Amino acid sequence: MGTGVVVRALSGRYELLDPLGQGGMGVVYRAHDRELERTVAVKVLPAQMLRDADFLARFRRKARAAAGLSHPNIATVFDIGEDAQDGEPIPYLVMELVEGETLGDLLRRTPLTPAQAGQIATAVLEALEHSHGRGIVHRDIKPADIMVRFADFADFADSQARVKVMDFGIAKLMSETATRLTSTGMRIGTPAYMSPEQADGRPADARTDLYSTGCVPYEMLTGRPPFTADSPAAMRFQHIYSRPPG
């Protein structure tokens, strides 16, 4: 499925209106929920993932766990489903439509004040406190997964940032599947925010999210992630053995 608008509704319910963004893990659409008469976001997963025999069952299990999270700083998962096109299953995830822009886009557009950076980092940590308390580790905290909206960006004193963290519970599943599919040309996410244990191939836990979250305010305050390199392997090496510039 490409990035073009899909006219028909998934499962006869979710009418895909226009694409909001695309990455290696799928395409996100603004969509209309015909049953509840509301606007939602629908993430349609790429066809390559369907070649993984156990992906659909694991996706359902992880998505159901993510749907159990309820926090103002976490994008709510409403539904999961599966449609079909040309005989191929199409798994999708229905989420709260979050207004604003990703933190990554925001940083490319304008610098943040220390107060703004602190407010965003605090909101992410509050979301993690909620998810970790329920045994769910994100494993891929990065600016592209953090949605931010300021009611009045210019007047920060009267403008609180509304922050939502996305893709809880399914980040690891999707990245693992993508890793097995690199021969198909699927792009793997950047290692710029990867914890040392992830970079070294060791198991991740809640501390993994805290390390990655620490990389985010570093970038918000300095304008660059803690480490940069010419290759993902070199960047992973730095996360394991180096200290970021002071």
C-alpha atoms as a PDB file:
ATOM      1  CA  MET A   1       0.000   0.000   0.000  1.00  0.00           C
ATOM      2  CA  GLY A   2       1.505   3.326  -1.025  1.00  0.00           C
ATOM      3  CA  THR A   3       1.135   6.815   0.293  1.00  0.00           C
ATOM      4  CA  GLY A   4      -1.809   7.743  -1.913  1.00  0.00           C
ATOM      5  CA  VAL A   5      -5.282   8.250  -0.513  1.00  0.00           C
ATOM      6  CA  VAL A   6      -7.253   5.030  -0.147  1.00  0.00           C
ATOM      7  CA  VAL A   7     -10.893   5.684  -1.009  1.00  0.00           C
ATOM      8  CA  ARG A   8     -12.540   2.610   0.495  1.00  0.00           C
ATOM      9  CA  ALA A   9     -12.839   2.115   4.224  1.00  0.00           C
ATOM     10  CA  LEU A  10     -10.782  -0.447   6.090  1.00  0.00           C
ATOM     11  CA  SER A  11     -13.077  -3.164   7.464  1.00  0.00           C
ATOM     12  CA  GLY A  12     -15.945  -1.059   6.131  1.00  0.00           C
ATOM     13  CA  ARG A  13     -15.469   1.351   9.017  1.00  0.00           C
ATOM     14  CA  TYR A  14     -12.319   3.486   8.803  1.00  0.00           C
ATOM     15  CA  GLU A  15     -12.332   5.734   5.757  1.00  0.00           C
ATOM     16  CA  LEU A  16      -8.759   6.838   5.020  1.00  0.00           C
ATOM     17  CA  LEU A  17      -8.772  10.508   4.081  1.00  0.00           C
ATOM     18  CA  ASP A  18      -5.192  11.693   3.587  1.00  0.00           C
ATOM     19  CA  PRO A  19      -1.683  10.560   4.579  1.00  0.00           C
ATOM     20  CA  LEU A  20      -0.134  12.305   7.579  1.00  0.00           C
ATOM     21  CA  GLY A  21       3.288  10.684   7.436  1.00  0.00           C
ATOM     22  CA  GLN A  22       5.267   7.715   6.213  1.00  0.00           C
ATOM     23  CA  GLY A  23       8.202   5.759   7.577  1.00  0.00           C
ATOM     24  CA  GLY A  24       9.727   2.309   7.485  1.00  0.00           C
ATOM     25  CA  MET A  25       7.037   1.123   9.895  1.00  0.00           C
ATOM     26  CA  GLY A  26       4.056   2.113   7.745  1.00  0.00           C
ATOM     27  CA  VAL A  27       1.844   4.981   6.651  1.00  0.00           C
ATOM     28  CA  VAL A  28      -0.292   7.022   9.052  1.00  0.00           C
ATOM     29  CA  TYR A  29      -3.561   8.411   7.690  1.00  0.00           C
ATOM     30  CA  ARG A  30      -6.123  10.851   8.937  1.00  0.00           C
ATOM     31  CA  ALA A  31      -9.286   8.775   8.878  1.00  0.00           C
ATOM     32  CA  HIS A  32     -13.002   8.943   9.600  1.00  0.00           C
ATOM     33  CA  ASP A  33     -14.539   6.370  11.929  1.00  0.00           C
ATOM     34  CA  ARG A  34     -17.945   5.823  10.353  1.00  0.00           C
ATOM     35  CA  GLU A  35     -19.339   3.954  13.349  1.00  0.00           C
ATOM     36  CA  LEU A  36     -18.492   6.521  16.051  1.00  0.00           C
ATOM     37  CA  GLU A  37     -18.475   9.555  13.734  1.00  0.00           C
ATOM     38  CA  ARG A  38     -15.058  10.821  14.778  1.00  0.00           C
ATOM     39  CA  THR A  39     -11.706  11.598  13.213  1.00  0.00           C
ATOM     40  CA  VAL A  40      -8.881   9.227  14.095  1.00  0.00           C
ATOM     41  CA  ALA A  41      -5.373   8.304  12.965  1.00  0.00           C
ATOM     42  CA  VAL A  42      -4.854   4.936  11.290  1.00  0.00           C
ATOM     43  CA  LYS A  43      -1.428   3.360  10.908  1.00  0.00           C
ATOM     44  CA  VAL A  44      -1.375   0.891   8.018  1.00  0.00           C
ATOM     45  CA  LEU A  45       1.566  -1.478   8.249  1.00  0.00           C
ATOM     46  CA  PRO A  46       3.776  -2.150   5.205  1.00  0.00           C
ATOM     47  CA  ALA A  47       3.165  -5.217   3.073  1.00  0.00           C
ATOM     48  CA  GLN A  48       6.681  -6.556   3.737  1.00  0.00           C
ATOM     49  CA  MET A  49       5.767  -7.269   7.349  1.00  0.00           C
ATOM     50  CA  LEU A  50       3.042  -9.672   6.283  1.00  0.00           C
ATOM     51  CA  ARG A  51       5.706 -12.149   5.178  1.00  0.00           C
ATOM     52  CA  ASP A  52       6.609 -12.735   8.822  1.00  0.00           C
ATOM     53  CA  ALA A  53       4.567 -15.790   9.817  1.00  0.00           C
ATOM     54  CA  ASP A  54       3.962 -14.840  13.458  1.00  0.00           C
ATOM     55  CA  PHE A  55       3.858 -11.073  13.047  1.00  0.00           C
ATOM     56  CA  LEU A  56       0.080 -10.645  12.956  1.00  0.00           C
ATOM     57  CA  ALA A  57      -0.507 -12.615  16.170  1.00  0.00           C
ATOM     58  CA  ARG A  58       2.272 -10.761  17.988  1.00  0.00           C
ATOM     59  CA  PHE A  59       1.049  -7.426  16.638  1.00  0.00           C
ATOM     60  CA  ARG A  60      -2.442  -8.059  18.016  1.00  0.00           C
ATOM     61  CA  ARG A  61      -1.049  -9.030  21.409  1.00  0.00           C
ATOM     62  CA  LYS A  62       1.225  -5.980  21.686  1.00  0.00           C
ATOM     63  CA  ALA A  63      -1.438  -3.591  20.418  1.00  0.00           C
ATOM     64  CA  ARG A  64      -3.950  -4.863  22.966  1.00  0.00           C
ATOM     65  CA  ALA A  65      -1.410  -4.227  25.724  1.00  0.00           C
ATOM     66  CA  ALA A  66      -0.826  -0.702  24.423  1.00  0.00           C
ATOM     67  CA  ALA A  67      -4.585  -0.119  24.350  1.00  0.00           C
ATOM     68  CA  GLY A  68      -4.614  -0.688  28.109  1.00  0.00           C
ATOM     69  CA  LEU A  69      -2.552   2.446  28.707  1.00  0.00           C
ATOM     70  CA  SER A  70      -4.516   5.509  29.758  1.00  0.00           C
ATOM     71  CA  HIS A  71      -2.504   8.681  30.335  1.00  0.00           C
ATOM     72  CA  PRO A  72      -2.839  12.253  29.045  1.00  0.00           C
ATOM     73  CA  ASN A  73       0.709  12.105  27.621  1.00  0.00           C
ATOM     74  CA  ILE A  74       0.227   8.843  25.726  1.00  0.00           C
ATOM     75  CA  ALA A  75      -1.545   8.643  22.377  1.00  0.00           C
ATOM     76  CA  THR A  76      -4.548   6.386  22.971  1.00  0.00           C
ATOM     77  CA  VAL A  77      -4.926   3.184  20.959  1.00  0.00           C
ATOM     78  CA  PHE A  78      -8.605   2.752  20.053  1.00  0.00           C
ATOM     79  CA  ASP A  79      -8.679  -0.378  17.938  1.00  0.00           C
ATOM     80  CA  ILE A  80      -6.676  -2.904  15.934  1.00  0.00           C
ATOM     81  CA  GLY A  81      -7.888  -4.634  12.837  1.00  0.00           C
ATOM     82  CA  GLU A  82      -7.099  -6.499   9.674  1.00  0.00           C
ATOM     83  CA  ASP A  83      -8.465  -5.956   6.193  1.00  0.00           C
ATOM     84  CA  ALA A  84      -7.476  -7.535   2.910  1.00  0.00           C
ATOM     85  CA  GLN A  85      -6.465  -6.264  -0.494  1.00  0.00           C
ATOM     86  CA  ASP A  86      -5.737  -8.480  -3.498  1.00  0.00           C
ATOM     87  CA  GLY A  87      -5.840 -11.483  -1.203  1.00  0.00           C
ATOM     88  CA  GLU A  88      -3.220 -10.056   1.177  1.00  0.00           C
ATOM     89  CA  PRO A  89      -4.019  -9.198   4.817  1.00  0.00           C
ATOM     90  CA  ILE A  90      -3.597  -5.559   5.839  1.00  0.00           C
ATOM     91  CA  PRO A  91      -3.051  -5.090   9.586  1.00  0.00           C
ATOM     92  CA  TYR A  92      -3.754  -1.645  10.955  1.00  0.00           C
ATOM     93  CA  LEU A  93      -3.806   0.273  14.228  1.00  0.00           C
ATOM     94  CA  VAL A  94      -6.412   2.928  15.049  1.00  0.00           C
ATOM     95  CA  MET A  95      -5.196   5.707  17.328  1.00  0.00           C
ATOM     96  CA  GLU A  96      -6.176   9.036  18.749  1.00  0.00           C
ATOM     97  CA  LEU A  97      -5.534  11.791  16.209  1.00  0.00           C
ATOM     98  CA  VAL A  98      -2.997  14.041  17.895  1.00  0.00           C
ATOM     99  CA  GLU A  99      -2.880  17.640  16.731  1.00  0.00           C
ATOM    100  CA  GLY A 100       0.489  19.367  16.483  1.00  0.00           C
ATOM    101  CA  GLU A 101       3.812  18.234  15.040  1.00  0.00           C
ATOM    102  CA  THR A 102       6.501  15.777  15.955  1.00  0.00           C
ATOM    103  CA  LEU A 103       9.278  17.041  18.171  1.00  0.00           C
ATOM    104  CA  GLY A 104      11.674  16.207  15.350  1.00  0.00           C
ATOM    105  CA  ASP A 105       9.845  18.522  12.951  1.00  0.00           C
ATOM    106  CA  LEU A 106       9.603  21.206  15.633  1.00  0.00           C
ATOM    107  CA  LEU A 107      13.359  21.128  16.278  1.00  0.00           C
ATOM    108  CA  ARG A 108      14.071  21.462  12.575  1.00  0.00           C
ATOM    109  CA  ARG A 109      11.818  24.506  12.481  1.00  0.00           C
ATOM    110  CA  THR A 110      12.851  26.434  15.588  1.00  0.00           C
ATOM    111  CA  PRO A 111      15.023  26.167  18.720  1.00  0.00           C
ATOM    112  CA  LEU A 112      13.448  25.586  22.126  1.00  0.00           C
ATOM    113  CA  THR A 113      14.009  27.450  25.355  1.00  0.00           C
ATOM    114  CA  PRO A 114      15.322  25.473  28.356  1.00  0.00           C
ATOM    115  CA  ALA A 115      11.887  25.848  29.978  1.00  0.00           C
ATOM    116  CA  GLN A 116      10.145  24.399  26.923  1.00  0.00           C
ATOM    117  CA  ALA A 117      12.649  21.545  26.702  1.00  0.00           C
ATOM    118  CA  GLY A 118      12.167  20.788  30.383  1.00  0.00           C
ATOM    119  CA  GLN A 119       8.408  20.763  30.064  1.00  0.00           C
ATOM    120  CA  ILE A 120       8.511  18.336  27.137  1.00  0.00           C
ATOM    121  CA  ALA A 121      11.029  16.030  28.832  1.00  0.00           C
ATOM    122  CA  THR A 122       8.921  15.981  32.011  1.00  0.00           C
ATOM    123  CA  ALA A 123       5.820  15.030  30.047  1.00  0.00           C
ATOM    124  CA  VAL A 124       7.658  12.138  28.370  1.00  0.00           C
ATOM    125  CA  LEU A 125       8.939  10.893  31.735  1.00  0.00           C
ATOM    126  CA  GLU A 126       5.416  11.014  33.170  1.00  0.00           C
ATOM    127  CA  ALA A 127       4.197   8.904  30.249  1.00  0.00           C
ATOM    128  CA  LEU A 128       7.004   6.408  30.857  1.00  0.00           C
ATOM    129  CA  GLU A 129       6.225   6.227  34.559  1.00  0.00           C
ATOM    130  CA  HIS A 130       2.691   5.163  33.633  1.00  0.00           C
ATOM    131  CA  SER A 131       3.746   2.586  31.032  1.00  0.00           C
ATOM    132  CA  HIS A 132       6.597   1.127  33.086  1.00  0.00           C
ATOM    133  CA  GLY A 133       4.229   0.700  35.996  1.00  0.00           C
ATOM    134  CA  ARG A 134       2.183  -1.574  33.735  1.00  0.00           C
ATOM    135  CA  GLY A 135       5.147  -3.521  32.411  1.00  0.00           C
ATOM    136  CA  ILE A 136       5.290  -1.862  28.987  1.00  0.00           C
ATOM    137  CA  VAL A 137       8.649  -0.601  27.722  1.00  0.00           C
ATOM    138  CA  HIS A 138       8.591   1.642  24.651  1.00  0.00           C
ATOM    139  CA  ARG A 139      12.126   0.783  23.422  1.00  0.00           C
ATOM    140  CA  ASP A 140      12.224   3.482  20.742  1.00  0.00           C
ATOM    141  CA  ILE A 141      11.850   6.912  22.366  1.00  0.00           C
ATOM    142  CA  LYS A 142      12.922   9.562  19.858  1.00  0.00           C
ATOM    143  CA  PRO A 143      11.724  12.988  18.669  1.00  0.00           C
ATOM    144  CA  ALA A 144       9.760  11.449  15.797  1.00  0.00           C
ATOM    145  CA  ASP A 145       7.569   9.566  18.317  1.00  0.00           C
ATOM    146  CA  ILE A 146       6.795  12.627  20.454  1.00  0.00           C
ATOM    147  CA  MET A 147       3.961  14.896  19.336  1.00  0.00           C
ATOM    148  CA  VAL A 148       4.034  18.476  20.623  1.00  0.00           C
ATOM    149  CA  ARG A 149       1.583  21.354  20.409  1.00  0.00           C
ATOM    150  CA  PHE A 150       1.936  24.797  21.939  1.00  0.00           C
ATOM    151  CA  ALA A 151      -1.223  26.868  22.201  1.00  0.00           C
ATOM    152  CA  ASP A 152       0.937  29.991  21.938  1.00  0.00           C
ATOM    153  CA  PHE A 153       4.556  29.181  21.149  1.00  0.00           C
ATOM    154  CA  ALA A 154       5.703  32.819  21.179  1.00  0.00           C
ATOM    155  CA  ASP A 155       4.347  33.503  24.667  1.00  0.00           C
ATOM    156  CA  PHE A 156       5.638  30.515  26.592  1.00  0.00           C
ATOM    157  CA  ALA A 157       4.635  31.888  29.981  1.00  0.00           C
ATOM    158  CA  ASP A 158       0.982  31.445  29.015  1.00  0.00           C
ATOM    159  CA  SER A 159       1.407  28.397  26.800  1.00  0.00           C
ATOM    160  CA  GLN A 160       1.720  24.868  28.117  1.00  0.00           C
ATOM    161  CA  ALA A 161       3.028  22.219  25.765  1.00  0.00           C
ATOM    162  CA  ARG A 162       0.648  19.380  25.018  1.00  0.00           C
ATOM    163  CA  VAL A 163       2.810  16.300  24.639  1.00  0.00           C
ATOM    164  CA  LYS A 164       1.840  12.831  23.442  1.00  0.00           C
ATOM    165  CA  VAL A 165       4.168   9.845  23.109  1.00  0.00           C
ATOM    166  CA  MET A 166       3.217   7.405  20.343  1.00  0.00           C
ATOM    167  CA  ASP A 167       3.791   3.749  19.440  1.00  0.00           C
ATOM    168  CA  PHE A 168       3.923   2.305  22.948  1.00  0.00           C
ATOM    169  CA  GLY A 169       4.288  -1.447  23.050  1.00  0.00           C
ATOM    170  CA  ILE A 170       4.688  -2.042  19.321  1.00  0.00           C
ATOM    171  CA  ALA A 171       8.022  -0.303  18.677  1.00  0.00           C
ATOM    172  CA  LYS A 172      10.122  -3.358  19.541  1.00  0.00           C
ATOM    173  CA  LEU A 173       7.904  -5.732  17.598  1.00  0.00           C
ATOM    174  CA  MET A 174       7.999  -3.581  14.484  1.00  0.00           C
ATOM    175  CA  SER A 175      11.735  -2.899  14.645  1.00  0.00           C
ATOM    176  CA  GLU A 176      12.509  -6.603  15.142  1.00  0.00           C
ATOM    177  CA  THR A 177      10.387  -7.496  12.135  1.00  0.00           C
ATOM    178  CA  ALA A 178      12.025  -4.776  10.059  1.00  0.00           C
ATOM    179  CA  THR A 179      15.464  -6.114  11.007  1.00  0.00           C
ATOM    180  CA  ARG A 180      14.578  -9.513   9.583  1.00  0.00           C
ATOM    181  CA  LEU A 181      13.359  -7.846   6.396  1.00  0.00           C
ATOM    182  CA  THR A 182      16.358  -5.676   5.562  1.00  0.00           C
ATOM    183  CA  SER A 183      16.958  -7.687   2.411  1.00  0.00           C
ATOM    184  CA  THR A 184      13.715  -6.219   1.050  1.00  0.00           C
ATOM    185  CA  GLY A 185      15.079  -2.705   1.363  1.00  0.00           C
ATOM    186  CA  MET A 186      13.025  -1.705   4.412  1.00  0.00           C
ATOM    187  CA  ARG A 187      14.671   1.125   6.329  1.00  0.00           C
ATOM    188  CA  ILE A 188      15.521   0.636  10.001  1.00  0.00           C
ATOM    189  CA  GLY A 189      15.137   3.503  12.453  1.00  0.00           C
ATOM    190  CA  THR A 190      18.036   5.708  13.436  1.00  0.00           C
ATOM    191  CA  PRO A 191      20.330   4.543  16.269  1.00  0.00           C
ATOM    192  CA  ALA A 192      20.889   8.132  17.436  1.00  0.00           C
ATOM    193  CA  TYR A 193      18.833   7.525  20.612  1.00  0.00           C
ATOM    194  CA  MET A 194      19.709   3.877  21.164  1.00  0.00           C
ATOM    195  CA  SER A 195      20.700   2.745  24.649  1.00  0.00           C
ATOM    196  CA  PRO A 196      24.068   0.989  25.105  1.00  0.00           C
ATOM    197  CA  GLU A 197      22.377  -2.342  25.834  1.00  0.00           C
ATOM    198  CA  GLN A 198      20.333  -2.094  22.644  1.00  0.00           C
ATOM    199  CA  ALA A 199      23.421  -1.140  20.668  1.00  0.00           C
ATOM    200  CA  ASP A 200      25.197  -4.168  22.138  1.00  0.00           C
ATOM    201  CA  GLY A 201      22.324  -6.540  21.393  1.00  0.00           C
ATOM    202  CA  ARG A 202      21.410  -7.088  25.041  1.00  0.00           C
ATOM    203  CA  PRO A 203      17.865  -7.202  26.517  1.00  0.00           C
ATOM    204  CA  ALA A 204      16.101  -3.886  27.091  1.00  0.00           C
ATOM    205  CA  ASP A 205      14.111  -2.814  30.129  1.00  0.00           C
ATOM    206  CA  ALA A 206      12.696   0.406  31.591  1.00  0.00           C
ATOM    207  CA  ARG A 207      16.201   1.866  31.896  1.00  0.00           C
ATOM    208  CA  THR A 208      16.462   1.683  28.124  1.00  0.00           C
ATOM    209  CA  ASP A 209      13.649   4.220  27.793  1.00  0.00           C
ATOM    210  CA  LEU A 210      15.287   6.513  30.351  1.00  0.00           C
ATOM    211  CA  TYR A 211      18.559   6.547  28.408  1.00  0.00           C
ATOM    212  CA  SER A 212      16.785   7.318  25.140  1.00  0.00           C
ATOM    213  CA  THR A 213      14.723  10.005  26.846  1.00  0.00           C
ATOM    214  CA  GLY A 214      17.952  11.569  28.113  1.00  0.00           C
ATOM    215  CA  CYS A 215      19.153  11.855  24.523  1.00  0.00           C
ATOM    216  CA  VAL A 216      16.052  13.888  23.614  1.00  0.00           C
ATOM    217  CA  PRO A 217      16.580  16.921  25.928  1.00  0.00           C
ATOM    218  CA  TYR A 218      20.268  16.838  24.959  1.00  0.00           C
ATOM    219  CA  GLU A 219      19.168  17.469  21.380  1.00  0.00           C
ATOM    220  CA  MET A 220      16.517  19.997  22.405  1.00  0.00           C
ATOM    221  CA  LEU A 221      19.158  22.076  24.222  1.00  0.00           C
ATOM    222  CA  THR A 222      22.164  21.632  21.910  1.00  0.00           C
ATOM    223  CA  GLY A 223      20.529  21.288  18.506  1.00  0.00           C
ATOM    224  CA  ARG A 224      22.036  17.844  17.849  1.00  0.00           C
ATOM    225  CA  PRO A 225      21.764  14.320  19.256  1.00  0.00           C
ATOM    226  CA  PRO A 226      24.479  13.157  21.672  1.00  0.00           C
ATOM    227  CA  PHE A 227      26.368  11.293  18.960  1.00  0.00           C
ATOM    228  CA  THR A 228      26.681  11.642  15.202  1.00  0.00           C
ATOM    229  CA  ALA A 229      28.589   9.364  12.869  1.00  0.00           C
ATOM    230  CA  ASP A 230      28.883   8.360   9.230  1.00  0.00           C
ATOM    231  CA  SER A 231      27.320   4.931   9.819  1.00  0.00           C
ATOM    232  CA  PRO A 232      24.832   3.300  12.211  1.00  0.00           C
ATOM    233  CA  ALA A 233      27.553   0.919  13.416  1.00  0.00           C
ATOM    234  CA  ALA A 234      29.833   3.815  14.358  1.00  0.00           C
ATOM    235  CA  MET A 235      26.997   5.511  16.209  1.00  0.00           C
ATOM    236  CA  ARG A 236      26.185   2.357  18.142  1.00  0.00           C
ATOM    237  CA  PHE A 237      29.860   2.090  19.092  1.00  0.00           C
ATOM    238  CA  GLN A 238      29.768   5.615  20.494  1.00  0.00           C
ATOM    239  CA  HIS A 239      26.687   4.896  22.609  1.00  0.00           C
ATOM    240  CA  ILE A 240      28.535   1.963  24.183  1.00  0.00           C
ATOM    241  CA  TYR A 241      32.025   3.405  24.652  1.00  0.00           C
ATOM    242  CA  SER A 242      31.947   7.193  24.389  1.00  0.00           C
ATOM    243  CA  ARG A 243      30.698  10.213  26.303  1.00  0.00           C
ATOM    244  CA  PRO A 244      28.733  12.893  24.446  1.00  0.00           C
ATOM    245  CA  PRO A 245      30.378  16.305  24.040  1.00  0.00           C
ATOM    246  CA  GLY A 246      29.881  18.498  27.102  1.00  0.00           C
END
